[in-house]
Structures are given as structure tokens and as C-alpha cells.
Amino acid sequence: MSSSLSSTQSSHSDDDEWEYSSSMTIPLDDVLPQKFQEEVSEEAFAAIEMAIRTTKNSLLESEENSDARKILVKRLIKLRIRHEDVKERLMSKSNASIETKGHTFVDTKDPNINYSHISPYWSDGKNKIYCQVCGTTIRIYMQYSQHCHDCGFCVHHACVPYIKRDCVGVKVRTKPDFIMTICPEKSLPSLNYQCSECQIEFVSSSSKLKPNLCDYTGLYYCSLCHWGSKGITPARILQNWDFTKVPLSQVSKQYLSLMVKKPVINIEKVNPRLFAAVHELNEVRDLRRKLFFMKKYLEVCRFASDEKLLLELSDRQHFVDSVDYYSLEDLLDTESGELLRYMEKITGSFYDHIVNCVLCYARGFICELCKNKKDILFPFSQDGYLCEYCKGVCHHYCFRGNGSICPKCKRLQERKTK
């Protein structure tokens, strides 16, 4: 067992990190005519498939590690994304869908529609949904209406030509982010005294055309676009840990509802002092760091795979993909205490497996300073110190007693100088 320990301990290294830019600017004009880069048709789909084949052939003929090959790889990725997008849109069109302002509408009577997806935004129940254009009730079994399967936007069929709101589902897919300034209010003169969504002019003598402020965007809306709904905003949570519900326009309420599970909030970048101010949040961060290291053991352990341990985190997959990103749901559950209890249960389960599994235990570390073979350490051990440079692990107290000098780093440096 000691030979297994030593061979495993010397093989730890940093994981390769790959960065992907969602805003690739690689041109496609060389392989795909401009009209097919925007058009959704069978002809465009065939042209994209031809462009993919052409790019693949060029990629195979290109020189390895060359700049030309890197460009071709990015082009191929962009073409495949476009290919899937056109494919999905064509499938929607084949189901007699209607497209406008980015929305892809289907008949609200479609039995495949999940009304629980609609209810957070504008439904009073399965049989009573409100039109987002005229604001009146849609009686789904009596009226011909449309539902956007991407964002949940509901509208009378007769109101479709008058839609002003772009589909927020497109933004959720392409640029999922949050406004992190608390109520960035814009003055009415800067908005030309018009509703920010439908551009109707405000009239002080009309209750329906009076301006209503949305706390999330800082913009003003008419009563058809702002129903007085209230909800939490990421900015107030991240800046002040404030979960007070504030007035939101319909588009903001819809967007925030769709984004609630998206892990796009990097607290370290927005407000790192929040960890010091909120004890529970700091504990969640520490447990997430431990989970991140535990994952490296479990994903290569066949016993953990048989037990499907990592599936315990299927609801919060981003917890094992990174340690920095949080969703709105994570913050809400942290405030309620639910997330901390969940994390303690999961980390306890993972820890029990690792220390009792012969394969995982063999990948532990022996402190190079005290050389106590009976006290096996891991990167997530409570009394362990993880070196950020060599990824070696030793006892905290041994590390401090050694003048805060990592023994593995020192040994590697001495080997280089010989």
C-alpha cells in the first residue's frame, strides 16, 4: 500500500484549463453565403452542412498547431452551433409555429405545453393565463392563443402582430448575465416620456399610462408592461444581502425567473467582501472548495462510479464544475439555510466514501515534514495545507513550523539547481 501511496502522491498536477469565448468573431463568408448565415430554411440548412464538410476537409489538410488550424477549429464550432440552431428552428416551423421578435410560438392548446413553466410569470393557474400584449385573460380552451416554448410568453393569436417585447429566452441562451447596479434609474426625459417596452407615451391624467419604475432595469413602463409585480433582484442581494421584494416590470420578472438556476454570478468579482459579511455564504464557499477537490477523487474511482455518487449533485452540477459561480437559487437557499444543510450532507457523503475506499485512500498524501504515515491527508482535509503551486499537501502546523515553506516546492527547486 505504501508504494501505491508514493506513486500516487508524486503524480498530482494542475488540471488543464480551457477558455471558450462565446463571442467568436470568426467570419464564415469564405464557406457560407451571407444570406444563409441569417436565413432559416431547408436551403440554408443544406448550405451549412456543406460548409461544415468543407471546413472539416480544410482542417485535416492544415498544418498541426498552426494559426490557420486554430481559425478553422473556431469556424467549425461556429458552423455547428449555427447548424443546431437552424435545425431546431426548422423543427419548430414544421409544427406550424409562428416566429416574431425572437419568440417561437406554438398553439397554447398543444398538449405538450407545461403550464408550470408559464405560471411564475403571468398565470393564475392552468386555465387562466394573461395575454402579455393586451393584459386580458386567455381562456385556453375557448380562445386561439400562442405560447413561446422558449420563454413562456403567452399572447392571444390576434395580438401577435402587436408584440413589442423581444424573447428573453434568446438572451438567456446567448448572454445570460445580470445588472449588478441597484436600480440604475434613467430619467423620463432621457426616455422621451415613453414606455421602455412598447414606446407608448405617458399621460399623467391616465392611470394606465402613468410611468411605473422597474427596480431591476431602472426604466419606466406603462401599466400594460408593468403589472406591479414584485421580486428580488441580484444587485440588492450582492451589494447589501437584501432579499426585499421590489417592483419589477413584466419583462424583468420573466427574465429573472428564467435565470434563477443559471450559475452566472461570480461573487469574488462583484463583491468579495460579502463573504466576510455573511457567515453562511463563507461556509458554503469553503464546502464548495472541498467538493471541487473531492470530485477529482470520485470521477476516477470505479466504486464511486458504481454507486453514482456524483449524481447526488445533479441538481447543482455547477458545484463540481467550478468554485466561483453561483445562481440566484443558490443565494436564496443560502439565506434560508437550506443550501448549507444540503452541502454538509453531500460533503459528508463524499468524504465517507473517500476515506473508506481503498482506491481513493491510496491517492492521499503523507506530510513530507512529519512523515506520519498513519495520518493520510487530502486537499480537503481540515488540518491540511494545500500548496497552490505544486498542489502538495502537508499539515497546517507542520507548514507553519517549517517557516511557511512548502517542502515539495523546496525539494523541486533544489532538484532544478543541481
Protein backbone atom coordinates (compact mmCIF):
# COMPACT_ATOMS: atom_id res chain seq x y z
CA MET A 1 0.00 0.00 0.00
CA SER A 2 2.91 2.37 0.72
CA SER A 3 4.21 2.02 -2.85
CA SER A 4 0.76 2.92 -4.15
CA LEU A 5 0.76 5.95 -1.89
CA SER A 6 4.11 7.25 -3.07
CA SER A 7 3.40 6.70 -6.75
CA THR A 8 0.05 8.44 -6.46
CA GLN A 9 1.33 11.35 -4.40
CA SER A 10 4.03 12.23 -6.92
CA SER A 11 1.63 12.26 -9.87
CA HIS A 12 -0.67 15.14 -8.83
CA SER A 13 -0.68 18.08 -11.25
CA ASP A 14 -2.86 21.01 -12.21
CA ASP A 15 -5.83 20.37 -14.47
CA ASP A 16 -5.67 21.92 -17.89
CA GLU A 17 -7.99 24.90 -18.15
CA TRP A 18 -9.69 25.76 -21.37
CA GLU A 19 -11.32 29.10 -22.03
CA TYR A 20 -14.10 29.42 -24.55
CA SER A 21 -15.23 32.77 -25.91
CA SER A 22 -18.97 32.94 -26.58
CA SER A 23 -18.47 35.94 -28.84
CA MET A 24 -16.35 34.42 -31.60
CA THR A 25 -15.77 36.83 -34.49
CA ILE A 26 -14.52 34.25 -36.99
CA PRO A 27 -16.02 35.14 -40.43
CA LEU A 28 -17.95 32.50 -42.36
CA ASP A 29 -18.17 34.30 -45.72
CA ASP A 30 -15.49 32.07 -47.28
CA VAL A 31 -17.62 28.93 -46.87
CA LEU A 32 -21.19 30.17 -46.30
CA PRO A 33 -23.02 32.91 -48.25
CA GLN A 34 -24.17 35.83 -46.09
CA LYS A 35 -27.88 35.18 -46.59
CA PHE A 36 -27.56 31.65 -45.21
CA GLN A 37 -25.87 32.98 -42.08
CA GLU A 38 -29.19 34.55 -41.04
CA GLU A 39 -31.86 32.68 -43.00
CA VAL A 40 -33.81 29.73 -41.58
CA SER A 41 -34.71 27.39 -44.45
CA GLU A 42 -34.02 23.94 -45.84
CA GLU A 43 -31.69 25.56 -48.37
CA ALA A 44 -29.73 27.30 -45.60
CA PHE A 45 -29.53 24.03 -43.63
CA ALA A 46 -28.05 22.22 -46.65
CA ALA A 47 -25.57 25.06 -47.25
CA ILE A 48 -24.41 24.91 -43.61
CA GLU A 49 -23.88 21.15 -43.84
CA MET A 50 -21.78 21.68 -46.99
CA ALA A 51 -19.77 24.41 -45.20
CA ILE A 52 -19.11 22.03 -42.29
CA ARG A 53 -17.80 19.33 -44.67
CA THR A 54 -15.59 21.87 -46.46
CA THR A 55 -14.18 23.17 -43.19
CA LYS A 56 -13.52 19.63 -41.93
CA ASN A 57 -11.53 18.83 -45.08
CA SER A 58 -9.52 22.06 -44.78
CA LEU A 59 -8.88 21.26 -41.12
CA LEU A 60 -7.46 17.83 -41.96
CA GLU A 61 -5.17 19.35 -44.59
CA SER A 62 -3.93 22.20 -42.37
CA GLU A 63 -0.61 22.18 -40.55
CA GLU A 64 -0.71 21.00 -36.96
CA ASN A 65 -0.54 23.76 -34.30
CA SER A 66 -0.72 26.47 -36.96
CA ASP A 67 -2.74 29.68 -36.66
CA ALA A 68 -4.74 28.61 -39.71
CA ARG A 69 -5.80 25.40 -37.96
CA LYS A 70 -6.92 27.33 -34.86
CA ILE A 71 -9.09 29.58 -37.03
CA LEU A 72 -10.57 26.56 -38.79
CA VAL A 73 -11.41 24.90 -35.45
CA LYS A 74 -13.23 28.03 -34.29
CA ARG A 75 -15.02 28.28 -37.62
CA LEU A 76 -16.15 24.66 -37.35
CA ILE A 77 -17.51 25.28 -33.83
CA LYS A 78 -19.41 28.33 -35.04
CA LEU A 79 -20.85 26.42 -38.00
CA ARG A 80 -22.00 23.56 -35.78
CA ILE A 81 -23.72 25.97 -33.41
CA ARG A 82 -25.47 27.58 -36.40
CA HIS A 83 -26.34 24.10 -37.73
CA GLU A 84 -28.08 23.10 -34.47
CA ASP A 85 -29.87 26.45 -34.27
CA VAL A 86 -31.31 26.15 -37.81
CA LYS A 87 -32.20 22.50 -37.20
CA GLU A 88 -34.23 23.38 -34.09
CA ARG A 89 -35.95 26.27 -35.82
CA LEU A 90 -36.91 24.13 -38.80
CA MET A 91 -38.39 21.53 -36.44
CA SER A 92 -40.42 24.27 -34.77
CA LYS A 93 -41.66 25.54 -38.13
CA SER A 94 -42.72 22.05 -39.14
CA ASN A 95 -45.05 22.12 -36.15
CA ALA A 96 -46.85 25.15 -37.54
CA SER A 97 -45.12 27.53 -35.16
CA ILE A 98 -45.04 31.31 -35.51
CA GLU A 99 -41.87 33.34 -35.12
CA THR A 100 -41.70 37.03 -34.22
CA LYS A 101 -39.36 39.21 -32.11
CA GLY A 102 -37.29 36.12 -31.37
CA HIS A 103 -40.30 34.22 -29.98
CA THR A 104 -41.21 30.82 -31.39
CA PHE A 105 -44.92 30.38 -30.73
CA VAL A 106 -46.99 27.23 -30.69
CA ASP A 107 -50.71 26.82 -30.08
CA THR A 108 -51.45 27.13 -26.35
CA LYS A 109 -53.79 24.13 -26.69
CA ASP A 110 -50.80 21.96 -27.53
CA PRO A 111 -50.96 19.06 -25.01
CA ASN A 112 -47.16 19.07 -24.73
CA ILE A 113 -47.12 22.52 -23.09
CA ASN A 114 -46.04 22.52 -19.46
CA TYR A 115 -48.11 25.20 -17.72
CA SER A 116 -45.90 25.17 -14.65
CA HIS A 117 -43.32 26.82 -16.94
CA ILE A 118 -45.77 29.67 -17.57
CA SER A 119 -47.20 30.19 -14.08
CA PRO A 120 -44.29 32.06 -12.44
CA TYR A 121 -44.73 34.96 -14.87
CA TRP A 122 -48.40 35.58 -15.69
CA SER A 123 -50.67 32.69 -14.85
CA ASP A 124 -53.28 32.35 -12.12
CA GLY A 125 -53.49 28.61 -12.76
CA LYS A 126 -53.70 26.17 -15.60
CA ASN A 127 -56.93 27.55 -17.02
CA LYS A 128 -56.30 31.26 -16.54
CA ILE A 129 -53.36 32.91 -18.27
CA TYR A 130 -52.97 36.56 -19.18
CA CYS A 131 -52.08 37.95 -22.59
CA GLN A 132 -48.81 39.88 -22.41
CA VAL A 133 -49.92 42.36 -25.06
CA CYS A 134 -53.46 43.40 -24.09
CA GLY A 135 -53.34 42.24 -20.46
CA THR A 136 -56.67 40.41 -20.57
CA THR A 137 -57.36 36.77 -19.71
CA ILE A 138 -56.57 33.96 -22.15
CA ARG A 139 -59.08 31.17 -21.76
CA ILE A 140 -57.01 28.42 -23.28
CA TYR A 141 -59.87 26.04 -24.04
CA MET A 142 -62.00 28.75 -25.63
CA GLN A 143 -59.60 31.17 -27.35
CA TYR A 144 -56.97 30.67 -30.02
CA SER A 145 -53.70 31.75 -28.42
CA GLN A 146 -49.96 31.28 -28.71
CA HIS A 147 -47.23 30.33 -26.26
CA CYS A 148 -43.48 30.82 -26.74
CA HIS A 149 -41.91 27.47 -25.92
CA ASP A 150 -38.58 29.23 -25.29
CA CYS A 151 -39.54 31.87 -22.71
CA GLY A 152 -43.18 31.11 -21.81
CA PHE A 153 -44.58 34.36 -23.29
CA CYS A 154 -48.35 33.96 -23.82
CA VAL A 155 -50.50 36.02 -26.16
CA HIS A 156 -53.84 35.96 -27.98
CA HIS A 157 -53.34 34.93 -31.58
CA ALA A 158 -54.93 38.23 -32.65
CA CYS A 159 -52.36 40.15 -30.55
CA VAL A 160 -49.29 38.51 -32.13
CA PRO A 161 -48.76 41.35 -34.71
CA TYR A 162 -48.61 43.89 -31.87
CA ILE A 163 -45.86 42.21 -29.81
CA LYS A 164 -43.13 44.65 -28.78
CA ARG A 165 -41.12 42.52 -26.36
CA ASP A 166 -38.14 40.54 -27.61
CA CYS A 167 -37.91 36.95 -26.41
CA VAL A 168 -35.89 36.94 -23.19
CA GLY A 169 -35.15 33.27 -23.80
CA VAL A 170 -32.74 34.36 -26.54
CA LYS A 171 -30.79 36.48 -24.06
CA VAL A 172 -30.84 33.66 -21.50
CA ARG A 173 -29.24 31.38 -24.12
CA THR A 174 -26.79 33.81 -25.69
CA LYS A 175 -25.85 36.33 -22.99
CA PRO A 176 -27.00 35.20 -19.56
CA ASP A 177 -25.98 37.96 -17.15
CA PHE A 178 -27.42 40.31 -14.53
CA ILE A 179 -27.50 44.05 -13.94
CA MET A 180 -25.41 44.49 -10.79
CA THR A 181 -26.25 48.15 -10.09
CA ILE A 182 -29.11 48.80 -7.67
CA CYS A 183 -31.97 50.43 -9.61
CA PRO A 184 -29.90 52.23 -12.30
CA GLU A 185 -32.72 54.73 -12.83
CA LYS A 186 -32.97 56.69 -16.06
CA SER A 187 -34.94 59.92 -16.13
CA LEU A 188 -38.20 60.24 -18.02
CA PRO A 189 -36.78 62.94 -20.35
CA SER A 190 -33.99 60.53 -21.36
CA LEU A 191 -36.73 58.02 -22.26
CA ASN A 192 -38.68 60.67 -24.18
CA TYR A 193 -41.55 60.17 -21.72
CA GLN A 194 -42.26 56.81 -23.33
CA CYS A 195 -42.68 53.26 -22.02
CA SER A 196 -39.35 51.45 -22.32
CA GLU A 197 -41.03 48.40 -23.85
CA CYS A 198 -43.97 49.44 -26.04
CA GLN A 199 -42.89 53.09 -26.54
CA ILE A 200 -46.36 54.42 -25.77
CA GLU A 201 -46.29 57.99 -24.42
CA PHE A 202 -47.05 58.51 -20.75
CA VAL A 203 -50.13 60.58 -19.90
CA SER A 204 -50.41 61.91 -16.34
CA SER A 205 -54.22 62.01 -16.50
CA SER A 206 -54.49 58.29 -17.31
CA SER A 207 -53.81 55.67 -14.62
CA LYS A 208 -52.91 53.11 -17.31
CA LEU A 209 -50.38 55.41 -18.94
CA LYS A 210 -48.61 56.63 -15.83
CA PRO A 211 -44.92 55.67 -15.56
CA ASN A 212 -44.03 52.74 -13.30
CA LEU A 213 -40.41 52.24 -12.24
CA CYS A 214 -38.77 48.81 -12.53
CA ASP A 215 -36.21 48.41 -9.76
CA TYR A 216 -34.13 45.90 -11.77
CA THR A 217 -33.59 47.88 -15.01
CA GLY A 218 -34.18 51.40 -13.65
CA LEU A 219 -36.52 52.02 -16.59
CA TYR A 220 -40.13 53.20 -16.67
CA TYR A 221 -43.02 51.20 -18.10
CA CYS A 222 -46.74 51.65 -18.69
CA SER A 223 -49.27 49.56 -16.75
CA LEU A 224 -49.59 47.02 -19.59
CA CYS A 225 -45.85 46.32 -19.41
CA HIS A 226 -45.56 46.72 -15.61
CA TRP A 227 -48.26 44.97 -13.57
CA GLY A 228 -46.86 45.93 -10.20
CA SER A 229 -45.33 42.50 -9.62
CA LYS A 230 -42.56 42.27 -7.04
CA GLY A 231 -39.46 40.14 -6.72
CA ILE A 232 -35.86 40.05 -5.52
CA THR A 233 -33.00 41.49 -7.62
CA PRO A 234 -29.41 40.20 -7.87
CA ALA A 235 -27.95 43.69 -7.35
CA ARG A 236 -29.62 44.19 -3.95
CA ILE A 237 -28.55 40.72 -2.83
CA LEU A 238 -24.95 41.06 -4.00
CA GLN A 239 -24.44 44.61 -2.73
CA ASN A 240 -26.38 44.54 0.56
CA TRP A 241 -27.53 40.92 1.08
CA ASP A 242 -31.02 42.36 0.78
CA PHE A 243 -33.83 39.99 -0.23
CA THR A 244 -36.59 42.59 -0.08
CA LYS A 245 -39.10 42.20 -2.92
CA VAL A 246 -39.23 45.30 -5.13
CA PRO A 247 -41.43 46.35 -8.11
CA LEU A 248 -40.49 44.67 -11.38
CA SER A 249 -41.72 45.10 -14.94
CA GLN A 250 -43.09 42.01 -16.66
CA VAL A 251 -40.01 41.56 -18.83
CA SER A 252 -37.69 41.82 -15.80
CA LYS A 253 -39.79 39.40 -13.75
CA GLN A 254 -39.80 36.95 -16.64
CA TYR A 255 -36.05 37.23 -17.24
CA LEU A 256 -35.13 36.84 -13.57
CA SER A 257 -37.44 33.81 -13.28
CA LEU A 258 -35.78 32.13 -16.27
CA MET A 259 -32.32 32.96 -14.89
CA VAL A 260 -32.91 31.75 -11.32
CA LYS A 261 -30.98 28.48 -11.82
CA LYS A 262 -28.25 29.88 -14.10
CA PRO A 263 -24.81 29.89 -12.37
CA VAL A 264 -23.53 33.21 -13.75
CA ILE A 265 -22.78 35.18 -10.56
CA ASN A 266 -19.11 35.47 -9.61
CA ILE A 267 -19.25 36.94 -6.11
CA GLU A 268 -15.47 37.32 -5.96
CA LYS A 269 -15.66 39.78 -8.85
CA VAL A 270 -18.88 41.58 -7.92
CA ASN A 271 -18.47 41.99 -4.14
CA PRO A 272 -15.80 39.79 -2.47
CA ARG A 273 -16.44 41.47 0.92
CA LEU A 274 -19.80 39.71 1.04
CA PHE A 275 -18.12 36.50 2.20
CA ALA A 276 -16.80 38.26 5.30
CA ALA A 277 -20.18 39.86 5.99
CA VAL A 278 -22.32 36.73 5.56
CA HIS A 279 -21.06 33.80 7.62
CA GLU A 280 -23.30 31.22 5.91
CA LEU A 281 -22.09 32.27 2.47
CA ASN A 282 -18.47 31.92 3.55
CA GLU A 283 -19.19 28.40 4.84
CA VAL A 284 -20.87 27.48 1.56
CA ARG A 285 -17.78 28.68 -0.34
CA ASP A 286 -15.48 26.56 1.86
CA LEU A 287 -17.65 23.48 1.33
CA ARG A 288 -17.73 24.10 -2.44
CA ARG A 289 -13.93 24.18 -2.50
CA LYS A 290 -13.84 20.85 -0.69
CA LEU A 291 -16.38 19.41 -3.12
CA PHE A 292 -14.27 20.53 -6.06
CA PHE A 293 -11.29 18.52 -4.79
CA MET A 294 -13.43 15.56 -3.78
CA LYS A 295 -14.76 15.38 -7.33
CA LYS A 296 -11.23 14.71 -8.62
CA TYR A 297 -11.14 11.57 -6.50
CA LEU A 298 -14.66 10.36 -7.23
CA GLU A 299 -14.59 10.83 -11.00
CA VAL A 300 -11.66 8.37 -11.36
CA CYS A 301 -12.94 5.86 -8.82
CA ARG A 302 -14.82 2.90 -10.28
CA PHE A 303 -16.52 2.22 -6.95
CA ALA A 304 -17.84 5.78 -6.78
CA SER A 305 -18.99 5.40 -10.37
CA ASP A 306 -20.87 2.21 -9.49
CA GLU A 307 -22.50 4.00 -6.55
CA LYS A 308 -23.28 7.00 -8.79
CA LEU A 309 -22.13 9.35 -6.04
CA LEU A 310 -21.65 12.37 -8.30
CA LEU A 311 -25.30 12.16 -9.31
CA GLU A 312 -26.13 13.43 -5.81
CA LEU A 313 -25.11 16.83 -7.18
CA SER A 314 -27.14 16.60 -10.38
CA ASP A 315 -29.38 19.48 -9.25
CA ARG A 316 -26.35 21.76 -8.83
CA GLN A 317 -23.87 20.45 -11.39
CA HIS A 318 -22.00 23.77 -11.39
CA PHE A 319 -20.76 22.99 -7.87
CA VAL A 320 -18.36 20.40 -9.27
CA ASP A 321 -17.59 22.30 -12.47
CA SER A 322 -16.23 25.41 -10.69
CA VAL A 323 -15.99 27.01 -7.25
CA ASP A 324 -16.69 30.64 -8.19
CA TYR A 325 -20.09 30.77 -9.87
CA TYR A 326 -23.43 30.92 -8.09
CA SER A 327 -27.05 31.05 -9.23
CA LEU A 328 -29.83 33.18 -7.79
CA GLU A 329 -31.28 29.98 -6.39
CA ASP A 330 -28.01 29.32 -4.54
CA LEU A 331 -28.16 32.73 -2.88
CA LEU A 332 -31.83 32.34 -1.92
CA ASP A 333 -31.13 28.91 -0.44
CA THR A 334 -28.08 30.24 1.40
CA GLU A 335 -30.19 32.94 3.02
CA SER A 336 -32.78 30.36 4.12
CA GLY A 337 -30.11 27.95 5.41
CA GLU A 338 -31.23 25.18 3.05
CA LEU A 339 -28.07 25.24 0.91
CA LEU A 340 -25.70 24.91 3.86
CA ARG A 341 -27.58 21.86 5.13
CA TYR A 342 -27.55 20.38 1.62
CA MET A 343 -23.80 20.98 1.23
CA GLU A 344 -22.96 19.48 4.62
CA LYS A 345 -24.90 16.33 3.72
CA ILE A 346 -23.22 15.94 0.31
CA THR A 347 -19.66 16.65 1.51
CA GLY A 348 -20.20 14.21 4.39
CA SER A 349 -21.27 11.51 1.96
CA PHE A 350 -18.32 12.13 -0.36
CA TYR A 351 -15.82 12.29 2.50
CA ASP A 352 -17.02 8.99 3.98
CA HIS A 353 -16.52 7.28 0.64
CA ILE A 354 -13.03 8.69 0.03
CA VAL A 355 -11.56 7.79 3.44
CA ASN A 356 -13.12 4.31 3.37
CA CYS A 357 -12.40 3.47 -0.28
CA VAL A 358 -9.13 1.64 -0.94
CA LEU A 359 -8.68 3.36 -4.33
CA CYS A 360 -9.42 6.91 -3.15
CA TYR A 361 -7.50 6.49 0.10
CA ALA A 362 -4.42 5.39 -1.86
CA ARG A 363 -4.39 8.76 -3.60
CA GLY A 364 -3.95 10.62 -0.33
CA PHE A 365 -0.82 12.44 0.84
CA ILE A 366 1.73 11.84 3.58
CA CYS A 367 3.04 15.04 5.17
CA GLU A 368 6.65 15.42 3.99
CA LEU A 369 7.58 17.25 7.20
CA CYS A 370 6.38 14.90 9.96
CA LYS A 371 6.16 11.80 7.70
CA ASN A 372 3.31 10.37 9.75
CA LYS A 373 2.08 7.51 7.56
CA LYS A 374 -0.88 6.90 9.82
CA ASP A 375 -2.31 10.36 9.16
CA ILE A 376 -3.20 10.45 5.46
CA LEU A 377 -4.03 13.92 4.18
CA PHE A 378 -6.23 15.16 1.33
CA PRO A 379 -6.58 18.58 -0.32
CA PHE A 380 -9.88 18.99 1.56
CA SER A 381 -8.59 17.82 4.98
CA GLN A 382 -9.43 20.17 7.85
CA ASP A 383 -5.84 20.20 9.16
CA GLY A 384 -4.20 20.03 5.73
CA TYR A 385 -2.40 22.80 3.86
CA LEU A 386 -2.67 22.69 0.05
CA CYS A 387 0.18 24.40 -1.78
CA GLU A 388 -1.23 26.49 -4.61
CA TYR A 389 1.92 25.98 -6.70
CA CYS A 390 2.82 22.28 -6.52
CA LYS A 391 -0.55 21.06 -5.19
CA GLY A 392 1.24 19.14 -2.45
CA VAL A 393 -0.45 18.67 0.94
CA CYS A 394 1.07 18.81 4.42
CA HIS A 395 -0.19 19.61 7.92
CA HIS A 396 -1.01 23.25 8.68
CA TYR A 397 1.04 23.17 11.88
CA CYS A 398 3.97 21.46 10.16
CA PHE A 399 3.90 24.06 7.40
CA ARG A 400 3.95 26.95 9.90
CA GLY A 401 6.69 25.23 11.90
CA ASN A 402 8.75 24.99 8.73
CA GLY A 403 8.68 28.77 8.27
CA SER A 404 5.71 28.56 5.87
CA ILE A 405 7.94 26.94 3.27
CA CYS A 406 6.41 24.13 1.22
CA PRO A 407 8.74 21.09 1.42
CA LYS A 408 7.76 19.80 -2.01
CA CYS A 409 8.38 23.16 -3.69
CA LYS A 410 11.73 23.41 -1.91
CA ARG A 411 12.68 19.90 -2.99
CA LEU A 412 11.72 20.55 -6.61
CA GLN A 413 13.64 23.83 -6.63
CA GLU A 414 16.77 22.15 -5.25
CA ARG A 415 16.49 19.47 -7.92
CA LYS A 416 16.40 22.16 -10.63
CA THR A 417 19.51 23.92 -9.33
CA LYS A 418 21.63 20.74 -9.31
